[in-house]
């Protein structure tokens, strides 16, 4: 298909070249601009089809090169539709300028999905080794476990409220035994009952 299009574009140039007995060399210049905003098409390629020469526009779309009357020019640039311009014959001057408008086009590539697994067995092993991270609910359940809370309670320092309550409790106990010796557990029957129970259970035996 591309070869047929190339031949179709080349036929007018060959026909015109045959008509021109003594082609005149001219200085062909101009701008390659976008059709919608008239902005320069940077580095657009201009191919002289009938002579196989290629010229390149500048960053602002300006081009200038030597051409011959009847040359067929093929304008191309990535993101733009190709356009064709034929230099007229019978010019009265050796300089000729044009403004070539080019229309933008979208190029869609086929979707390509890249997988990190080399083969089917690699996918199976990756699936078996997959460890999904816990969501917010699972992390909340883990943080509210009794063992975790007990461990945190042993390591964390008391906050202001808890420290204040401990101070008031100790101060109240000291006030209760003000100017007298505090009670001893040796006279506490509950402490004696706990001691006897531990003695019968063998808690004091050497292990």
C-alpha atoms as a PDB file:
ATOM      1  CA  UNK A   1       0.000   0.000   0.000  1.00  0.00           C
ATOM      2  CA  UNK A   2       2.837   2.391   0.850  1.00  0.00           C
ATOM      3  CA  UNK A   3       4.585   1.629  -2.440  1.00  0.00           C
ATOM      4  CA  UNK A   4       1.410   2.381  -4.402  1.00  0.00           C
ATOM      5  CA  UNK A   5       0.977   5.686  -2.535  1.00  0.00           C
ATOM      6  CA  UNK A   6       4.601   6.591  -3.289  1.00  0.00           C
ATOM      7  CA  UNK A   7       4.138   5.840  -6.994  1.00  0.00           C
ATOM      8  CA  UNK A   8       0.905   7.821  -7.044  1.00  0.00           C
ATOM      9  CA  UNK A   9       2.693  10.848  -5.590  1.00  0.00           C
ATOM     10  CA  UNK A  10       5.624  10.415  -7.931  1.00  0.00           C
ATOM     11  CA  UNK A  11       3.580  10.322 -11.150  1.00  0.00           C
ATOM     12  CA  UNK A  12       2.683  14.066 -11.193  1.00  0.00           C
ATOM     13  CA  UNK A  13       6.328  14.929 -10.667  1.00  0.00           C
ATOM     14  CA  UNK A  14       7.441  12.714 -13.548  1.00  0.00           C
ATOM     15  CA  UNK A  15       4.714  14.118 -15.771  1.00  0.00           C
ATOM     16  CA  UNK A  16       5.632  17.708 -14.988  1.00  0.00           C
ATOM     17  CA  UNK A  17       9.333  17.023 -15.388  1.00  0.00           C
ATOM     18  CA  UNK A  18       8.673  15.643 -18.847  1.00  0.00           C
ATOM     19  CA  UNK A  19       6.803  18.815 -19.771  1.00  0.00           C
ATOM     20  CA  UNK A  20       9.541  21.133 -18.538  1.00  0.00           C
ATOM     21  CA  UNK A  21      12.318  21.091 -21.115  1.00  0.00           C
ATOM     22  CA  UNK A  22      14.667  23.438 -19.333  1.00  0.00           C
ATOM     23  CA  UNK A  23      13.783  23.407 -15.601  1.00  0.00           C
ATOM     24  CA  UNK A  24      14.901  26.463 -13.688  1.00  0.00           C
ATOM     25  CA  UNK A  25      16.590  26.216 -10.302  1.00  0.00           C
ATOM     26  CA  UNK A  26      14.953  28.406  -7.673  1.00  0.00           C
ATOM     27  CA  UNK A  27      15.410  29.172  -4.012  1.00  0.00           C
ATOM     28  CA  UNK A  28      12.387  27.570  -2.399  1.00  0.00           C
ATOM     29  CA  UNK A  29      11.602  28.760   1.140  1.00  0.00           C
ATOM     30  CA  UNK A  30       8.688  29.111   3.511  1.00  0.00           C
ATOM     31  CA  UNK A  31       7.142  27.886   6.739  1.00  0.00           C
ATOM     32  CA  UNK A  32       5.559  24.583   7.782  1.00  0.00           C
ATOM     33  CA  UNK A  33       2.726  25.602  10.129  1.00  0.00           C
ATOM     34  CA  UNK A  34      -0.014  23.803  12.032  1.00  0.00           C
ATOM     35  CA  UNK A  35      -3.423  24.162  10.412  1.00  0.00           C
ATOM     36  CA  UNK A  36      -5.296  24.863  13.652  1.00  0.00           C
ATOM     37  CA  UNK A  37      -3.032  27.364  15.439  1.00  0.00           C
ATOM     38  CA  UNK A  38      -0.531  28.479  12.761  1.00  0.00           C
ATOM     39  CA  UNK A  39       2.389  27.455  14.964  1.00  0.00           C
ATOM     40  CA  UNK A  40       5.634  26.298  13.425  1.00  0.00           C
ATOM     41  CA  UNK A  41       6.114  22.551  12.943  1.00  0.00           C
ATOM     42  CA  UNK A  42       9.635  21.997  14.264  1.00  0.00           C
ATOM     43  CA  UNK A  43      12.074  19.940  12.174  1.00  0.00           C
ATOM     44  CA  UNK A  44       9.534  18.950   9.524  1.00  0.00           C
ATOM     45  CA  UNK A  45      11.045  16.876   6.707  1.00  0.00           C
ATOM     46  CA  UNK A  46      10.619  17.981   3.096  1.00  0.00           C
ATOM     47  CA  UNK A  47      11.381  15.249   0.547  1.00  0.00           C
ATOM     48  CA  UNK A  48      11.804  16.030  -3.158  1.00  0.00           C
ATOM     49  CA  UNK A  49      10.191  12.867  -4.488  1.00  0.00           C
ATOM     50  CA  UNK A  50      11.353  13.064  -8.077  1.00  0.00           C
ATOM     51  CA  UNK A  51      14.997  13.649  -7.111  1.00  0.00           C
ATOM     52  CA  UNK A  52      15.302  11.801  -3.772  1.00  0.00           C
ATOM     53  CA  UNK A  53      16.594  14.769  -1.799  1.00  0.00           C
ATOM     54  CA  UNK A  54      15.524  15.608   1.751  1.00  0.00           C
ATOM     55  CA  UNK A  55      15.545  18.944   3.583  1.00  0.00           C
ATOM     56  CA  UNK A  56      14.670  19.703   7.195  1.00  0.00           C
ATOM     57  CA  UNK A  57      12.882  22.720   8.623  1.00  0.00           C
ATOM     58  CA  UNK A  58      14.184  24.594  11.625  1.00  0.00           C
ATOM     59  CA  UNK A  59      12.736  24.696  15.163  1.00  0.00           C
ATOM     60  CA  UNK A  60      10.247  27.389  14.079  1.00  0.00           C
ATOM     61  CA  UNK A  61       9.192  25.499  10.917  1.00  0.00           C
ATOM     62  CA  UNK A  62      11.191  27.669   8.502  1.00  0.00           C
ATOM     63  CA  UNK A  63      12.857  25.966   5.532  1.00  0.00           C
ATOM     64  CA  UNK A  64      14.911  27.161   2.579  1.00  0.00           C
ATOM     65  CA  UNK A  65      16.695  25.073  -0.053  1.00  0.00           C
ATOM     66  CA  UNK A  66      17.392  24.897  -3.779  1.00  0.00           C
ATOM     67  CA  UNK A  67      14.704  23.245  -5.869  1.00  0.00           C
ATOM     68  CA  UNK A  68      13.610  23.004  -9.493  1.00  0.00           C
ATOM     69  CA  UNK A  69      10.369  24.035 -11.116  1.00  0.00           C
ATOM     70  CA  UNK A  70       7.914  21.137 -11.144  1.00  0.00           C
ATOM     71  CA  UNK A  71       9.433  19.345  -8.136  1.00  0.00           C
ATOM     72  CA  UNK A  72       6.985  17.427  -5.960  1.00  0.00           C
ATOM     73  CA  UNK A  73       7.590  18.098  -2.259  1.00  0.00           C
ATOM     74  CA  UNK A  74       6.455  15.676   0.406  1.00  0.00           C
ATOM     75  CA  UNK A  75       6.080  17.247   3.897  1.00  0.00           C
ATOM     76  CA  UNK A  76       6.194  14.843   6.863  1.00  0.00           C
ATOM     77  CA  UNK A  77       6.475  15.162  10.632  1.00  0.00           C
ATOM     78  CA  UNK A  78       5.617  12.900  13.556  1.00  0.00           C
ATOM     79  CA  UNK A  79       2.090  13.645  14.771  1.00  0.00           C
ATOM     80  CA  UNK A  80       1.034  15.307  11.489  1.00  0.00           C
ATOM     81  CA  UNK A  81      -0.540  14.015   8.292  1.00  0.00           C
ATOM     82  CA  UNK A  82       1.767  14.055   5.269  1.00  0.00           C
ATOM     83  CA  UNK A  83       1.077  16.750   2.698  1.00  0.00           C
ATOM     84  CA  UNK A  84       2.195  17.231  -0.914  1.00  0.00           C
ATOM     85  CA  UNK A  85       3.107  20.440  -2.723  1.00  0.00           C
ATOM     86  CA  UNK A  86       4.118  20.772  -6.400  1.00  0.00           C
ATOM     87  CA  UNK A  87       6.259  23.759  -7.341  1.00  0.00           C
ATOM     88  CA  UNK A  88       4.613  25.504 -10.285  1.00  0.00           C
ATOM     89  CA  UNK A  89       6.407  25.996 -13.577  1.00  0.00           C
ATOM     90  CA  UNK A  90       6.954  29.136 -15.596  1.00  0.00           C
ATOM     91  CA  UNK A  91       8.066  31.266 -12.654  1.00  0.00           C
ATOM     92  CA  UNK A  92       9.331  34.723 -13.492  1.00  0.00           C
ATOM     93  CA  UNK A  93      11.749  34.851 -10.561  1.00  0.00           C
ATOM     94  CA  UNK A  94      14.351  32.552  -9.073  1.00  0.00           C
ATOM     95  CA  UNK A  95      12.835  32.791  -5.584  1.00  0.00           C
ATOM     96  CA  UNK A  96       9.580  31.254  -4.431  1.00  0.00           C
ATOM     97  CA  UNK A  97       7.990  31.148  -0.963  1.00  0.00           C
ATOM     98  CA  UNK A  98       5.006  29.239   0.414  1.00  0.00           C
ATOM     99  CA  UNK A  99       3.273  28.523   3.713  1.00  0.00           C
ATOM    100  CA  UNK A 100       2.528  24.817   4.019  1.00  0.00           C
ATOM    101  CA  UNK A 101      -0.217  23.925   6.488  1.00  0.00           C
ATOM    102  CA  UNK A 102      -0.044  20.537   8.212  1.00  0.00           C
ATOM    103  CA  UNK A 103      -2.890  18.826  10.086  1.00  0.00           C
ATOM    104  CA  UNK A 104      -2.305  17.066  13.385  1.00  0.00           C
ATOM    105  CA  UNK A 105      -3.175  13.399  13.682  1.00  0.00           C
ATOM    106  CA  UNK A 106      -3.307  10.872  16.499  1.00  0.00           C
ATOM    107  CA  UNK A 107      -1.311   7.669  16.399  1.00  0.00           C
ATOM    108  CA  UNK A 108      -2.803   4.823  18.420  1.00  0.00           C
ATOM    109  CA  UNK A 109      -0.597   1.879  19.284  1.00  0.00           C
ATOM    110  CA  UNK A 110      -1.859  -1.545  20.228  1.00  0.00           C
ATOM    111  CA  UNK A 111      -2.081  -2.225  23.929  1.00  0.00           C
ATOM    112  CA  UNK A 112       0.961  -3.987  25.358  1.00  0.00           C
ATOM    113  CA  UNK A 113       0.801  -5.578  28.816  1.00  0.00           C
ATOM    114  CA  UNK A 114       4.117  -6.445  30.429  1.00  0.00           C
ATOM    115  CA  UNK A 115       4.034  -9.097  33.145  1.00  0.00           C
ATOM    116  CA  UNK A 116       6.883  -9.672  35.623  1.00  0.00           C
ATOM    117  CA  UNK A 117       6.633 -13.474  35.336  1.00  0.00           C
ATOM    118  CA  UNK A 118       8.655 -15.369  32.786  1.00  0.00           C
ATOM    119  CA  UNK A 119       6.251 -18.247  32.273  1.00  0.00           C
ATOM    120  CA  UNK A 120       3.143 -19.952  33.678  1.00  0.00           C
ATOM    121  CA  UNK A 121       5.122 -21.717  36.412  1.00  0.00           C
ATOM    122  CA  UNK A 122       6.629 -18.403  37.483  1.00  0.00           C
ATOM    123  CA  UNK A 123       3.145 -16.942  37.828  1.00  0.00           C
ATOM    124  CA  UNK A 124       2.045 -19.906  39.950  1.00  0.00           C
ATOM    125  CA  UNK A 125       5.015 -19.520  42.295  1.00  0.00           C
ATOM    126  CA  UNK A 126       4.523 -15.756  42.540  1.00  0.00           C
ATOM    127  CA  UNK A 127       0.858 -16.311  43.392  1.00  0.00           C
ATOM    128  CA  UNK A 128       1.749 -18.792  46.137  1.00  0.00           C
ATOM    129  CA  UNK A 129       4.357 -16.438  47.607  1.00  0.00           C
ATOM    130  CA  UNK A 130       2.039 -13.434  47.520  1.00  0.00           C
ATOM    131  CA  UNK A 131       1.417 -11.818  50.917  1.00  0.00           C
ATOM    132  CA  UNK A 132      -1.294  -9.207  50.788  1.00  0.00           C
ATOM    133  CA  UNK A 133      -0.925  -6.380  53.315  1.00  0.00           C
ATOM    134  CA  UNK A 134      -3.533  -6.079  56.065  1.00  0.00           C
ATOM    135  CA  UNK A 135      -6.274  -3.549  55.599  1.00  0.00           C
ATOM    136  CA  UNK A 136      -7.312  -0.967  58.211  1.00  0.00           C
ATOM    137  CA  UNK A 137      -9.786  -3.336  59.898  1.00  0.00           C
ATOM    138  CA  UNK A 138      -7.221  -6.130  60.310  1.00  0.00           C
ATOM    139  CA  UNK A 139      -4.645  -3.710  61.717  1.00  0.00           C
ATOM    140  CA  UNK A 140      -7.222  -2.367  64.178  1.00  0.00           C
ATOM    141  CA  UNK A 141      -8.067  -5.909  65.364  1.00  0.00           C
ATOM    142  CA  UNK A 142      -4.371  -6.690  65.794  1.00  0.00           C
ATOM    143  CA  UNK A 143      -3.796  -3.529  67.825  1.00  0.00           C
ATOM    144  CA  UNK A 144      -6.723  -4.353  70.154  1.00  0.00           C
ATOM    145  CA  UNK A 145      -5.520  -7.839  71.125  1.00  0.00           C
ATOM    146  CA  UNK A 146      -5.277  -8.415  74.894  1.00  0.00           C
ATOM    147  CA  UNK A 147      -1.676  -9.627  74.754  1.00  0.00           C
ATOM    148  CA  UNK A 148      -0.597  -6.597  72.752  1.00  0.00           C
ATOM    149  CA  UNK A 149      -2.408  -4.182  75.069  1.00  0.00           C
ATOM    150  CA  UNK A 150      -0.857  -5.849  78.129  1.00  0.00           C
ATOM    151  CA  UNK A 151       2.610  -5.618  76.588  1.00  0.00           C
ATOM    152  CA  UNK A 152       2.100  -1.965  75.773  1.00  0.00           C
ATOM    153  CA  UNK A 153       0.786  -1.308  79.272  1.00  0.00           C
ATOM    154  CA  UNK A 154       3.998  -2.646  80.799  1.00  0.00           C
ATOM    155  CA  UNK A 155       6.256  -0.576  78.577  1.00  0.00           C
ATOM    156  CA  UNK A 156       4.396   2.691  78.306  1.00  0.00           C
ATOM    157  CA  UNK A 157       4.945   5.424  80.863  1.00  0.00           C
ATOM    158  CA  UNK A 158       1.860   6.622  82.782  1.00  0.00           C
ATOM    159  CA  UNK A 159       0.173   9.661  81.337  1.00  0.00           C
ATOM    160  CA  UNK A 160      -0.715  12.777  83.302  1.00  0.00           C
ATOM    161  CA  UNK A 161      -4.088  11.533  84.490  1.00  0.00           C
ATOM    162  CA  UNK A 162      -2.771   8.165  85.658  1.00  0.00           C
ATOM    163  CA  UNK A 163       0.228   9.773  87.397  1.00  0.00           C
ATOM    164  CA  UNK A 164      -2.058  12.216  89.188  1.00  0.00           C
ATOM    165  CA  UNK A 165      -4.318   9.387  90.391  1.00  0.00           C
ATOM    166  CA  UNK A 166      -1.324   7.433  91.737  1.00  0.00           C
ATOM    167  CA  UNK A 167      -0.096  10.499  93.592  1.00  0.00           C
ATOM    168  CA  UNK A 168      -3.503  11.138  95.151  1.00  0.00           C
ATOM    169  CA  UNK A 169      -3.809   7.454  96.133  1.00  0.00           C
ATOM    170  CA  UNK A 170      -0.398   7.392  97.828  1.00  0.00           C
ATOM    171  CA  UNK A 171      -1.077  10.713  99.511  1.00  0.00           C
ATOM    172  CA  UNK A 172      -4.375   9.406 100.866  1.00  0.00           C
ATOM    173  CA  UNK A 173      -2.666   6.279 102.249  1.00  0.00           C
ATOM    174  CA  UNK A 174       0.021   8.364 103.938  1.00  0.00           C
ATOM    175  CA  UNK A 175      -2.639  10.614 105.442  1.00  0.00           C
ATOM    176  CA  UNK A 176      -4.561   7.593 106.756  1.00  0.00           C
ATOM    177  CA  UNK A 177      -1.526   6.366 108.702  1.00  0.00           C
ATOM    178  CA  UNK A 178      -0.415   9.852 109.745  1.00  0.00           C
ATOM    179  CA  UNK A 179       1.873   9.678 112.858  1.00  0.00           C
ATOM    180  CA  UNK A 180       1.453   5.946 113.207  1.00  0.00           C
ATOM    181  CA  UNK A 181       3.015   2.827 111.734  1.00  0.00           C
ATOM    182  CA  UNK A 182       1.202   1.414 108.719  1.00  0.00           C
ATOM    183  CA  UNK A 183      -0.472  -1.927 109.081  1.00  0.00           C
ATOM    184  CA  UNK A 184       1.548  -5.071 108.357  1.00  0.00           C
ATOM    185  CA  UNK A 185       0.276  -7.985 106.302  1.00  0.00           C
ATOM    186  CA  UNK A 186       1.414 -10.327 109.034  1.00  0.00           C
ATOM    187  CA  UNK A 187      -1.777  -9.460 110.876  1.00  0.00           C
ATOM    188  CA  UNK A 188      -3.896  -9.714 107.725  1.00  0.00           C
ATOM    189  CA  UNK A 189      -5.919 -12.969 107.647  1.00  0.00           C
ATOM    190  CA  UNK A 190      -6.392 -12.728 103.905  1.00  0.00           C
ATOM    191  CA  UNK A 191      -2.640 -12.591 103.374  1.00  0.00           C
ATOM    192  CA  UNK A 192      -2.239 -15.651 105.635  1.00  0.00           C
ATOM    193  CA  UNK A 193      -4.848 -17.568 103.641  1.00  0.00           C
ATOM    194  CA  UNK A 194      -3.040 -16.773 100.393  1.00  0.00           C
ATOM    195  CA  UNK A 195       0.292 -17.855 101.939  1.00  0.00           C
ATOM    196  CA  UNK A 196      -1.113 -21.198 103.089  1.00  0.00           C
ATOM    197  CA  UNK A 197      -2.696 -21.835  99.671  1.00  0.00           C
ATOM    198  CA  UNK A 198       0.610 -21.151  97.902  1.00  0.00           C
ATOM    199  CA  UNK A 199       2.464 -23.399 100.383  1.00  0.00           C
ATOM    200  CA  UNK A 200       0.083 -26.305  99.732  1.00  0.00           C
ATOM    201  CA  UNK A 201       0.430 -25.806  95.956  1.00  0.00           C
ATOM    202  CA  UNK A 202       4.204 -26.107  96.247  1.00  0.00           C
ATOM    203  CA  UNK A 203       4.989 -22.615  95.028  1.00  0.00           C
ATOM    204  CA  UNK A 204       7.931 -22.346  97.438  1.00  0.00           C
ATOM    205  CA  UNK A 205       9.641 -25.578  96.396  1.00  0.00           C
ATOM    206  CA  UNK A 206      12.912 -25.291  94.546  1.00  0.00           C
ATOM    207  CA  UNK A 207      12.621 -26.127  90.886  1.00  0.00           C
END
